[in-house]
């Protein structure tokens, strides 16, 4: 990512704002698979819970080209995020399925809603392909991973699926 930003600056196109790279860890090391200039989800949902600094000044400074990454204060813990999806995603997701178990999650588990809404009975139901992102923090990658997958056991909706390989060491 630094090489990309440096390249843009060298070519009179300095970048100011949010940028993230989507990486996959392979047996040959990390590989870049995408770049976006926006706060992506679940990418942002796994990073922001670790940010202790106030986000607003960071965004202001970044927009003005005055941002210094060394000024950020981070929680030293590791975060893991797993997205719960509806049956049919990424094609045509099946919606209006009641979501159960969110009230039973431990207090330190974060839940980000994406494809959810309330039905006529005021029940939380699915309304899209990416339904929920579940985030856990831990002292180690293994601890955060174990916590997030343990939390997922509490959540259910018909047709729910998710990747079981998130945060596995290659």
N, C-alpha and C. Protein backbone atom coordinates (compact mmCIF):
# COMPACT_ATOMS: atom_id res chain seq x y z
N UNK A 1 0.83 -1.19 0.00
CA UNK A 1 0.00 0.00 0.00
C UNK A 1 0.88 1.25 0.00
N UNK A 2 1.95 1.20 0.75
CA UNK A 2 2.86 2.36 0.77
C UNK A 2 3.43 2.60 -0.62
N UNK A 3 3.77 1.54 -1.33
CA UNK A 3 4.29 1.70 -2.69
C UNK A 3 3.26 2.38 -3.59
N UNK A 4 2.00 2.04 -3.45
CA UNK A 4 0.95 2.67 -4.25
C UNK A 4 0.83 4.15 -3.93
N UNK A 5 0.77 4.49 -2.67
CA UNK A 5 0.64 5.90 -2.27
C UNK A 5 1.88 6.69 -2.70
N UNK A 6 3.06 6.10 -2.53
CA UNK A 6 4.29 6.77 -2.97
C UNK A 6 4.29 6.98 -4.49
N UNK A 7 3.83 5.99 -5.24
CA UNK A 7 3.75 6.10 -6.70
C UNK A 7 2.82 7.24 -7.10
N UNK A 8 1.67 7.34 -6.46
CA UNK A 8 0.73 8.42 -6.77
C UNK A 8 1.35 9.78 -6.49
N UNK A 9 2.04 9.91 -5.37
CA UNK A 9 2.68 11.18 -5.01
C UNK A 9 3.77 11.54 -6.00
N UNK A 10 4.56 10.57 -6.42
CA UNK A 10 5.64 10.82 -7.39
C UNK A 10 5.11 11.26 -8.74
N UNK A 11 3.89 10.90 -9.04
CA UNK A 11 3.29 11.23 -10.33
C UNK A 11 2.31 12.39 -10.22
N UNK A 12 2.55 13.27 -9.25
CA UNK A 12 1.75 14.48 -9.05
C UNK A 12 0.28 14.18 -8.78
N UNK A 13 0.00 13.06 -8.18
CA UNK A 13 -1.35 12.68 -7.81
C UNK A 13 -1.36 12.21 -6.35
N UNK A 14 -1.00 13.10 -5.41
CA UNK A 14 -0.97 12.67 -4.01
C UNK A 14 -2.36 12.22 -3.55
N UNK A 15 -2.37 11.20 -2.72
CA UNK A 15 -3.64 10.66 -2.23
C UNK A 15 -3.91 11.17 -0.83
N UNK A 16 -5.11 11.71 -0.62
CA UNK A 16 -5.58 12.13 0.70
C UNK A 16 -6.91 11.45 0.93
N UNK A 17 -7.04 10.79 2.04
CA UNK A 17 -8.31 10.16 2.36
C UNK A 17 -8.13 8.74 2.85
N UNK A 18 -9.20 7.97 2.70
CA UNK A 18 -9.19 6.58 3.14
C UNK A 18 -8.81 5.68 1.98
N UNK A 19 -7.92 4.76 2.25
CA UNK A 19 -7.55 3.78 1.25
C UNK A 19 -7.26 2.47 1.98
N UNK A 20 -7.71 1.40 1.41
CA UNK A 20 -7.37 0.11 2.02
C UNK A 20 -7.11 -0.91 0.94
N UNK A 21 -6.28 -1.84 1.32
CA UNK A 21 -5.98 -2.95 0.43
C UNK A 21 -6.60 -4.22 0.98
N UNK A 22 -7.20 -4.99 0.11
CA UNK A 22 -7.70 -6.30 0.48
C UNK A 22 -6.61 -7.31 0.21
N UNK A 23 -6.13 -7.94 1.26
CA UNK A 23 -5.05 -8.91 1.14
C UNK A 23 -5.54 -10.30 1.50
N UNK A 24 -4.90 -11.28 0.94
CA UNK A 24 -5.12 -12.67 1.34
C UNK A 24 -3.74 -13.22 1.71
N UNK A 25 -3.71 -13.93 2.84
CA UNK A 25 -2.46 -14.52 3.27
C UNK A 25 -2.34 -15.91 2.66
N UNK A 26 -1.30 -16.10 1.87
CA UNK A 26 -1.07 -17.38 1.20
C UNK A 26 0.20 -18.02 1.76
N UNK A 27 0.45 -19.25 1.35
CA UNK A 27 1.67 -19.92 1.81
C UNK A 27 2.91 -19.19 1.32
N UNK A 28 2.77 -18.36 0.27
CA UNK A 28 3.88 -17.57 -0.26
C UNK A 28 3.91 -16.15 0.30
N UNK A 29 3.08 -15.87 1.29
CA UNK A 29 3.02 -14.55 1.89
C UNK A 29 1.78 -13.80 1.47
N UNK A 30 1.61 -12.55 1.94
CA UNK A 30 0.41 -11.78 1.61
C UNK A 30 0.36 -11.40 0.13
N UNK A 31 -0.84 -11.43 -0.43
CA UNK A 31 -1.08 -11.04 -1.82
C UNK A 31 -2.20 -10.00 -1.83
N UNK A 32 -1.99 -8.92 -2.56
CA UNK A 32 -2.99 -7.86 -2.71
C UNK A 32 -4.02 -8.30 -3.74
N UNK A 33 -5.31 -8.26 -3.37
CA UNK A 33 -6.35 -8.67 -4.31
C UNK A 33 -7.26 -7.52 -4.72
N UNK A 34 -7.28 -6.42 -3.94
CA UNK A 34 -8.08 -5.26 -4.33
C UNK A 34 -7.63 -4.03 -3.57
N UNK A 35 -7.93 -2.85 -4.12
CA UNK A 35 -7.67 -1.57 -3.47
C UNK A 35 -8.95 -0.75 -3.58
N UNK A 36 -9.34 -0.13 -2.47
CA UNK A 36 -10.52 0.73 -2.47
C UNK A 36 -10.20 2.03 -1.74
N UNK A 37 -10.79 3.10 -2.20
CA UNK A 37 -10.63 4.42 -1.58
C UNK A 37 -11.93 4.79 -0.88
N UNK A 38 -12.28 3.98 0.08
CA UNK A 38 -13.50 4.18 0.88
C UNK A 38 -13.38 3.30 2.11
N UNK A 39 -14.17 3.58 3.14
CA UNK A 39 -14.17 2.67 4.29
C UNK A 39 -15.01 1.44 3.95
N UNK A 40 -14.38 0.33 3.73
CA UNK A 40 -15.09 -0.89 3.35
C UNK A 40 -15.57 -1.66 4.56
N UNK A 41 -16.57 -2.45 4.34
CA UNK A 41 -16.98 -3.38 5.38
C UNK A 41 -16.86 -4.77 4.79
N UNK A 42 -16.31 -5.71 5.46
CA UNK A 42 -15.97 -5.76 6.88
C UNK A 42 -14.58 -5.22 7.23
N UNK A 43 -13.86 -4.73 6.25
CA UNK A 43 -12.50 -4.26 6.51
C UNK A 43 -12.45 -3.20 7.61
N UNK A 44 -13.31 -2.21 7.54
CA UNK A 44 -13.33 -1.15 8.53
C UNK A 44 -13.86 -1.67 9.87
N UNK A 45 -14.77 -2.61 9.83
CA UNK A 45 -15.38 -3.14 11.06
C UNK A 45 -14.39 -3.91 11.92
N UNK A 46 -13.32 -4.38 11.34
CA UNK A 46 -12.30 -5.10 12.10
C UNK A 46 -11.18 -4.16 12.55
N UNK A 47 -11.07 -3.00 11.93
CA UNK A 47 -10.00 -2.07 12.29
C UNK A 47 -10.46 -1.04 13.31
N UNK A 48 -11.61 -0.41 13.08
CA UNK A 48 -12.04 0.67 13.97
C UNK A 48 -12.22 0.28 15.44
N UNK A 49 -12.63 -0.94 15.76
CA UNK A 49 -12.71 -1.28 17.19
C UNK A 49 -11.37 -1.21 17.92
N UNK A 50 -10.28 -1.26 17.18
CA UNK A 50 -8.95 -1.17 17.79
C UNK A 50 -8.45 0.28 17.90
N UNK A 51 -9.08 1.20 17.19
CA UNK A 51 -8.64 2.59 17.19
C UNK A 51 -9.08 3.30 18.46
N UNK A 52 -8.11 3.76 19.24
CA UNK A 52 -8.41 4.50 20.47
C UNK A 52 -8.47 6.00 20.20
N UNK A 53 -7.81 6.45 19.16
CA UNK A 53 -7.80 7.87 18.81
C UNK A 53 -9.19 8.29 18.34
N UNK A 54 -9.49 9.57 18.50
CA UNK A 54 -10.75 10.13 18.01
C UNK A 54 -10.70 10.13 16.47
N UNK A 55 -11.69 9.54 15.84
CA UNK A 55 -11.69 9.38 14.39
C UNK A 55 -11.87 10.70 13.64
N UNK A 56 -12.69 11.61 14.14
CA UNK A 56 -12.99 12.84 13.41
C UNK A 56 -11.74 13.66 13.08
N UNK A 57 -10.87 13.95 14.05
CA UNK A 57 -9.65 14.70 13.70
C UNK A 57 -8.77 13.95 12.70
N UNK A 58 -8.76 12.64 12.79
CA UNK A 58 -7.98 11.84 11.83
C UNK A 58 -8.50 12.09 10.41
N UNK A 59 -9.82 12.05 10.25
CA UNK A 59 -10.41 12.28 8.93
C UNK A 59 -10.17 13.70 8.44
N UNK A 60 -10.30 14.67 9.35
CA UNK A 60 -10.04 16.08 8.98
C UNK A 60 -8.60 16.27 8.51
N UNK A 61 -7.65 15.74 9.29
CA UNK A 61 -6.24 15.88 8.95
C UNK A 61 -5.92 15.17 7.63
N UNK A 62 -6.50 14.02 7.45
CA UNK A 62 -6.26 13.26 6.23
C UNK A 62 -6.75 14.02 5.01
N UNK A 63 -7.95 14.59 5.10
CA UNK A 63 -8.52 15.34 3.97
C UNK A 63 -7.67 16.57 3.63
N UNK A 64 -7.01 17.13 4.65
CA UNK A 64 -6.17 18.31 4.43
C UNK A 64 -4.73 17.95 4.06
N UNK A 65 -4.44 16.65 3.99
CA UNK A 65 -3.09 16.22 3.66
C UNK A 65 -2.10 16.42 4.78
N UNK A 66 -2.59 16.48 6.03
CA UNK A 66 -1.73 16.74 7.18
C UNK A 66 -1.69 15.57 8.15
N UNK A 67 -2.12 14.42 7.72
CA UNK A 67 -2.24 13.27 8.61
C UNK A 67 -0.89 12.61 8.85
N UNK A 68 -0.65 12.26 10.11
CA UNK A 68 0.58 11.56 10.49
C UNK A 68 0.17 10.25 11.16
N UNK A 69 0.43 9.15 10.49
CA UNK A 69 0.00 7.84 10.98
C UNK A 69 0.60 7.52 12.34
N UNK A 70 1.73 8.10 12.67
CA UNK A 70 2.36 7.82 13.97
C UNK A 70 1.60 8.44 15.13
N UNK A 71 0.63 9.29 14.84
CA UNK A 71 -0.14 9.93 15.90
C UNK A 71 -1.31 9.08 16.39
N UNK A 72 -1.56 7.95 15.77
CA UNK A 72 -2.69 7.11 16.15
C UNK A 72 -2.39 6.27 17.38
N UNK A 73 -3.41 6.10 18.21
CA UNK A 73 -3.31 5.26 19.40
C UNK A 73 -4.18 4.02 19.16
N UNK A 74 -3.55 2.86 19.21
CA UNK A 74 -4.25 1.61 18.91
C UNK A 74 -4.35 0.71 20.13
N UNK A 75 -5.47 0.02 20.24
CA UNK A 75 -5.62 -1.06 21.21
C UNK A 75 -4.69 -2.18 20.73
N UNK A 76 -3.84 -2.72 21.59
CA UNK A 76 -2.89 -3.73 21.14
C UNK A 76 -3.52 -5.10 20.83
N UNK A 77 -4.77 -5.27 21.20
CA UNK A 77 -5.40 -6.56 20.94
C UNK A 77 -5.64 -6.78 19.45
N UNK A 78 -5.87 -8.02 19.11
CA UNK A 78 -6.15 -8.45 17.74
C UNK A 78 -7.66 -8.53 17.56
N UNK A 79 -8.16 -8.14 16.40
CA UNK A 79 -9.59 -8.23 16.10
C UNK A 79 -9.81 -9.21 14.95
N UNK A 80 -10.90 -9.97 15.05
CA UNK A 80 -11.30 -10.88 13.98
C UNK A 80 -12.77 -10.61 13.67
N UNK A 81 -13.09 -10.53 12.38
CA UNK A 81 -14.45 -10.26 11.93
C UNK A 81 -14.90 -11.38 10.99
N UNK A 82 -16.12 -11.88 11.24
CA UNK A 82 -16.71 -12.90 10.37
C UNK A 82 -18.08 -12.40 9.93
N UNK A 83 -18.34 -12.46 8.63
CA UNK A 83 -19.61 -12.01 8.07
C UNK A 83 -20.59 -13.19 7.99
N UNK A 84 -21.79 -12.97 8.50
CA UNK A 84 -22.87 -13.96 8.40
C UNK A 84 -23.71 -13.59 7.18
N UNK A 85 -23.90 -14.54 6.29
CA UNK A 85 -24.57 -14.29 5.01
C UNK A 85 -25.89 -15.05 4.90
N UNK A 86 -26.75 -14.53 4.03
CA UNK A 86 -28.02 -15.18 3.71
C UNK A 86 -27.84 -16.21 2.62
N UNK A 87 -28.64 -17.23 2.69
CA UNK A 87 -28.70 -18.22 1.62
C UNK A 87 -28.97 -17.49 0.30
N UNK A 88 -28.25 -17.86 -0.73
CA UNK A 88 -28.40 -17.23 -2.04
C UNK A 88 -27.36 -16.17 -2.33
N UNK A 89 -26.70 -15.63 -1.30
CA UNK A 89 -25.64 -14.65 -1.50
C UNK A 89 -24.44 -15.35 -2.09
N UNK A 90 -23.72 -14.81 -3.05
CA UNK A 90 -23.73 -13.45 -3.53
C UNK A 90 -24.72 -13.18 -4.67
N UNK A 91 -25.45 -14.17 -5.09
CA UNK A 91 -26.44 -13.96 -6.16
C UNK A 91 -27.68 -13.27 -5.62
N UNK A 92 -28.77 -14.00 -5.53
CA UNK A 92 -30.02 -13.44 -5.04
C UNK A 92 -30.29 -13.97 -3.64
N UNK A 93 -29.98 -13.17 -2.61
CA UNK A 93 -30.15 -13.65 -1.24
C UNK A 93 -31.63 -13.82 -0.87
N UNK A 94 -31.90 -14.83 -0.07
CA UNK A 94 -33.25 -15.03 0.47
C UNK A 94 -33.37 -14.13 1.69
N UNK A 95 -34.42 -13.33 1.73
CA UNK A 95 -34.59 -12.34 2.80
C UNK A 95 -35.81 -12.67 3.66
N UNK A 96 -36.03 -11.83 4.66
CA UNK A 96 -37.15 -11.92 5.60
C UNK A 96 -37.08 -13.14 6.50
N UNK A 97 -35.87 -13.58 6.81
CA UNK A 97 -35.71 -14.68 7.76
C UNK A 97 -35.36 -14.10 9.13
N UNK A 98 -36.07 -14.55 10.16
CA UNK A 98 -35.90 -14.01 11.51
C UNK A 98 -34.53 -14.37 12.07
N UNK A 99 -33.88 -13.37 12.66
CA UNK A 99 -32.55 -13.53 13.25
C UNK A 99 -32.71 -13.74 14.76
N UNK A 100 -32.09 -14.79 15.27
CA UNK A 100 -32.18 -15.14 16.69
C UNK A 100 -30.79 -15.08 17.33
N UNK A 101 -30.77 -14.81 18.63
CA UNK A 101 -29.57 -14.98 19.43
C UNK A 101 -28.71 -13.77 19.68
N UNK A 102 -29.00 -12.65 19.08
CA UNK A 102 -28.13 -11.49 19.27
C UNK A 102 -28.12 -11.00 20.72
N UNK A 103 -29.25 -11.13 21.40
CA UNK A 103 -29.32 -10.68 22.80
C UNK A 103 -28.54 -11.58 23.74
N UNK A 104 -28.15 -12.76 23.27
CA UNK A 104 -27.42 -13.72 24.10
C UNK A 104 -25.91 -13.59 23.97
N UNK A 105 -25.44 -12.70 23.14
CA UNK A 105 -23.99 -12.57 22.92
C UNK A 105 -23.31 -11.90 24.11
N UNK A 106 -22.07 -12.30 24.37
CA UNK A 106 -21.30 -11.61 25.43
C UNK A 106 -21.19 -10.13 25.12
N UNK A 107 -21.06 -9.32 26.17
CA UNK A 107 -21.02 -7.86 26.03
C UNK A 107 -19.82 -7.37 25.22
N UNK A 108 -18.73 -8.14 25.18
CA UNK A 108 -17.54 -7.67 24.47
C UNK A 108 -17.52 -8.07 22.99
N UNK A 109 -18.60 -8.67 22.52
CA UNK A 109 -18.71 -9.01 21.10
C UNK A 109 -19.40 -7.86 20.38
N UNK A 110 -18.84 -7.43 19.26
CA UNK A 110 -19.43 -6.35 18.47
C UNK A 110 -20.22 -6.94 17.31
N UNK A 111 -21.37 -6.34 17.04
CA UNK A 111 -22.21 -6.77 15.92
C UNK A 111 -22.50 -5.57 15.04
N UNK A 112 -22.17 -5.69 13.76
CA UNK A 112 -22.45 -4.65 12.78
C UNK A 112 -23.55 -5.16 11.86
N UNK A 113 -24.61 -4.38 11.75
CA UNK A 113 -25.74 -4.76 10.89
C UNK A 113 -25.51 -4.25 9.48
N UNK A 114 -25.79 -5.09 8.50
CA UNK A 114 -25.68 -4.71 7.10
C UNK A 114 -27.00 -4.99 6.40
N UNK A 115 -27.35 -6.26 6.29
CA UNK A 115 -28.59 -6.65 5.62
C UNK A 115 -29.63 -7.07 6.63
N UNK A 116 -30.08 -6.11 7.46
CA UNK A 116 -31.13 -6.39 8.45
C UNK A 116 -32.20 -5.31 8.40
N UNK A 117 -33.38 -5.69 8.83
CA UNK A 117 -34.49 -4.74 8.97
C UNK A 117 -35.48 -5.33 9.96
N UNK A 118 -36.49 -4.56 10.30
CA UNK A 118 -37.56 -5.06 11.16
C UNK A 118 -38.77 -5.39 10.29
N UNK A 119 -39.41 -6.54 10.57
CA UNK A 119 -40.62 -6.89 9.83
C UNK A 119 -41.85 -6.29 10.52
N UNK A 120 -43.03 -6.61 10.04
CA UNK A 120 -44.27 -6.06 10.60
C UNK A 120 -44.48 -6.43 12.06
N UNK A 121 -43.91 -7.53 12.49
CA UNK A 121 -44.02 -7.97 13.89
C UNK A 121 -42.91 -7.38 14.76
N UNK A 122 -42.10 -6.49 14.18
CA UNK A 122 -40.97 -5.86 14.86
C UNK A 122 -39.87 -6.86 15.21
N UNK A 123 -39.77 -7.92 14.40
CA UNK A 123 -38.70 -8.90 14.55
C UNK A 123 -37.56 -8.50 13.63
N UNK A 124 -36.35 -8.73 14.07
CA UNK A 124 -35.18 -8.47 13.24
C UNK A 124 -35.07 -9.58 12.21
N UNK A 125 -35.03 -9.18 10.93
CA UNK A 125 -34.98 -10.16 9.85
C UNK A 125 -33.89 -9.79 8.85
N UNK A 126 -33.53 -10.77 8.03
CA UNK A 126 -32.55 -10.54 6.98
C UNK A 126 -33.17 -9.70 5.86
N UNK A 127 -32.34 -8.82 5.27
CA UNK A 127 -32.82 -8.00 4.16
C UNK A 127 -31.78 -7.88 3.05
N UNK A 128 -30.74 -8.68 3.13
CA UNK A 128 -29.69 -8.63 2.11
C UNK A 128 -28.78 -9.82 2.21
N UNK A 129 -27.73 -9.80 1.43
CA UNK A 129 -26.80 -10.92 1.37
C UNK A 129 -25.84 -10.98 2.54
N UNK A 130 -25.13 -9.88 2.76
CA UNK A 130 -24.28 -9.78 3.95
C UNK A 130 -25.17 -9.26 5.06
N UNK A 131 -25.46 -10.10 6.02
CA UNK A 131 -26.46 -9.77 7.04
C UNK A 131 -25.82 -9.09 8.25
N UNK A 132 -24.87 -9.76 8.87
CA UNK A 132 -24.23 -9.25 10.09
C UNK A 132 -22.74 -9.50 10.03
N UNK A 133 -21.98 -8.63 10.65
CA UNK A 133 -20.56 -8.88 10.87
C UNK A 133 -20.37 -9.01 12.37
N UNK A 134 -19.73 -10.09 12.78
CA UNK A 134 -19.47 -10.34 14.20
C UNK A 134 -17.97 -10.14 14.42
N UNK A 135 -17.63 -9.31 15.44
CA UNK A 135 -16.23 -8.96 15.71
C UNK A 135 -15.89 -9.28 17.16
N UNK A 136 -14.73 -9.90 17.34
CA UNK A 136 -14.22 -10.17 18.68
C UNK A 136 -12.77 -9.71 18.76
N UNK A 137 -12.38 -9.25 19.93
CA UNK A 137 -10.99 -8.86 20.17
C UNK A 137 -10.37 -9.83 21.17
N UNK A 138 -9.08 -10.09 21.02
CA UNK A 138 -8.37 -10.97 21.94
C UNK A 138 -6.90 -10.62 21.99
N UNK A 139 -6.23 -11.16 22.99
CA UNK A 139 -4.80 -10.89 23.16
C UNK A 139 -3.99 -11.48 22.02
N UNK A 140 -4.49 -12.56 21.42
CA UNK A 140 -3.81 -13.21 20.30
C UNK A 140 -4.81 -13.45 19.19
N UNK A 141 -4.30 -13.73 18.00
CA UNK A 141 -5.16 -14.06 16.88
C UNK A 141 -6.02 -15.28 17.21
N UNK A 142 -5.41 -16.27 17.82
CA UNK A 142 -6.13 -17.49 18.16
C UNK A 142 -7.26 -17.21 19.15
N UNK A 143 -7.01 -16.36 20.14
CA UNK A 143 -8.04 -16.02 21.12
C UNK A 143 -9.19 -15.25 20.47
N UNK A 144 -8.89 -14.26 19.66
CA UNK A 144 -9.94 -13.48 18.99
C UNK A 144 -10.75 -14.37 18.06
N UNK A 145 -10.07 -15.24 17.34
CA UNK A 145 -10.76 -16.16 16.43
C UNK A 145 -11.69 -17.10 17.20
N UNK A 146 -11.20 -17.66 18.29
CA UNK A 146 -12.03 -18.57 19.09
C UNK A 146 -13.25 -17.84 19.64
N UNK A 147 -13.06 -16.61 20.10
CA UNK A 147 -14.17 -15.84 20.65
C UNK A 147 -15.23 -15.54 19.59
N UNK A 148 -14.81 -15.16 18.38
CA UNK A 148 -15.79 -14.80 17.36
C UNK A 148 -16.58 -16.02 16.92
N UNK A 149 -15.91 -17.16 16.76
CA UNK A 149 -16.64 -18.36 16.33
C UNK A 149 -17.52 -18.92 17.45
N UNK A 150 -17.12 -18.73 18.69
CA UNK A 150 -17.98 -19.13 19.81
C UNK A 150 -19.24 -18.25 19.84
N UNK A 151 -19.07 -16.97 19.59
CA UNK A 151 -20.22 -16.04 19.55
C UNK A 151 -21.17 -16.40 18.42
N UNK A 152 -20.63 -16.77 17.28
CA UNK A 152 -21.47 -17.11 16.12
C UNK A 152 -22.39 -18.28 16.44
N UNK A 153 -21.96 -19.18 17.32
CA UNK A 153 -22.81 -20.31 17.71
C UNK A 153 -24.12 -19.86 18.35
N UNK A 154 -24.15 -18.63 18.88
CA UNK A 154 -25.35 -18.10 19.53
C UNK A 154 -26.34 -17.50 18.55
N UNK A 155 -25.89 -17.18 17.35
CA UNK A 155 -26.71 -16.47 16.35
C UNK A 155 -27.22 -17.47 15.33
N UNK A 156 -28.48 -17.27 14.91
CA UNK A 156 -29.03 -18.17 13.91
C UNK A 156 -30.14 -17.49 13.11
N UNK A 157 -30.16 -17.77 11.83
CA UNK A 157 -31.31 -17.50 10.98
C UNK A 157 -31.30 -18.57 9.90
N UNK A 158 -32.45 -18.92 9.40
CA UNK A 158 -32.56 -19.97 8.40
C UNK A 158 -31.67 -19.63 7.19
N UNK A 159 -30.88 -20.60 6.76
CA UNK A 159 -30.03 -20.40 5.60
C UNK A 159 -28.73 -19.66 5.88
N UNK A 160 -28.45 -19.36 7.15
CA UNK A 160 -27.24 -18.62 7.51
C UNK A 160 -26.00 -19.43 7.16
N UNK A 161 -25.01 -18.75 6.58
CA UNK A 161 -23.72 -19.38 6.38
C UNK A 161 -22.63 -18.35 6.52
N UNK A 162 -21.40 -18.85 6.73
CA UNK A 162 -20.25 -17.98 6.93
C UNK A 162 -19.01 -18.79 6.64
N UNK A 163 -17.92 -18.08 6.42
CA UNK A 163 -16.64 -18.76 6.19
C UNK A 163 -16.09 -19.26 7.52
N UNK A 164 -15.57 -20.45 7.51
CA UNK A 164 -15.00 -21.03 8.73
C UNK A 164 -13.48 -20.94 8.74
N UNK A 165 -12.88 -20.31 7.74
CA UNK A 165 -11.43 -20.24 7.63
C UNK A 165 -10.86 -18.86 7.94
N UNK A 166 -11.69 -17.96 8.45
CA UNK A 166 -11.21 -16.60 8.74
C UNK A 166 -10.18 -16.66 9.87
N UNK A 167 -9.07 -15.99 9.68
CA UNK A 167 -7.99 -15.85 10.68
C UNK A 167 -7.26 -17.17 10.97
N UNK A 168 -7.34 -18.10 10.05
CA UNK A 168 -6.54 -19.32 10.20
C UNK A 168 -5.13 -19.02 9.72
N UNK A 169 -4.17 -19.51 10.41
CA UNK A 169 -2.77 -19.35 9.95
C UNK A 169 -2.53 -20.26 8.77
N UNK A 170 -1.86 -19.74 7.75
CA UNK A 170 -1.57 -20.53 6.55
C UNK A 170 -0.29 -21.31 6.77
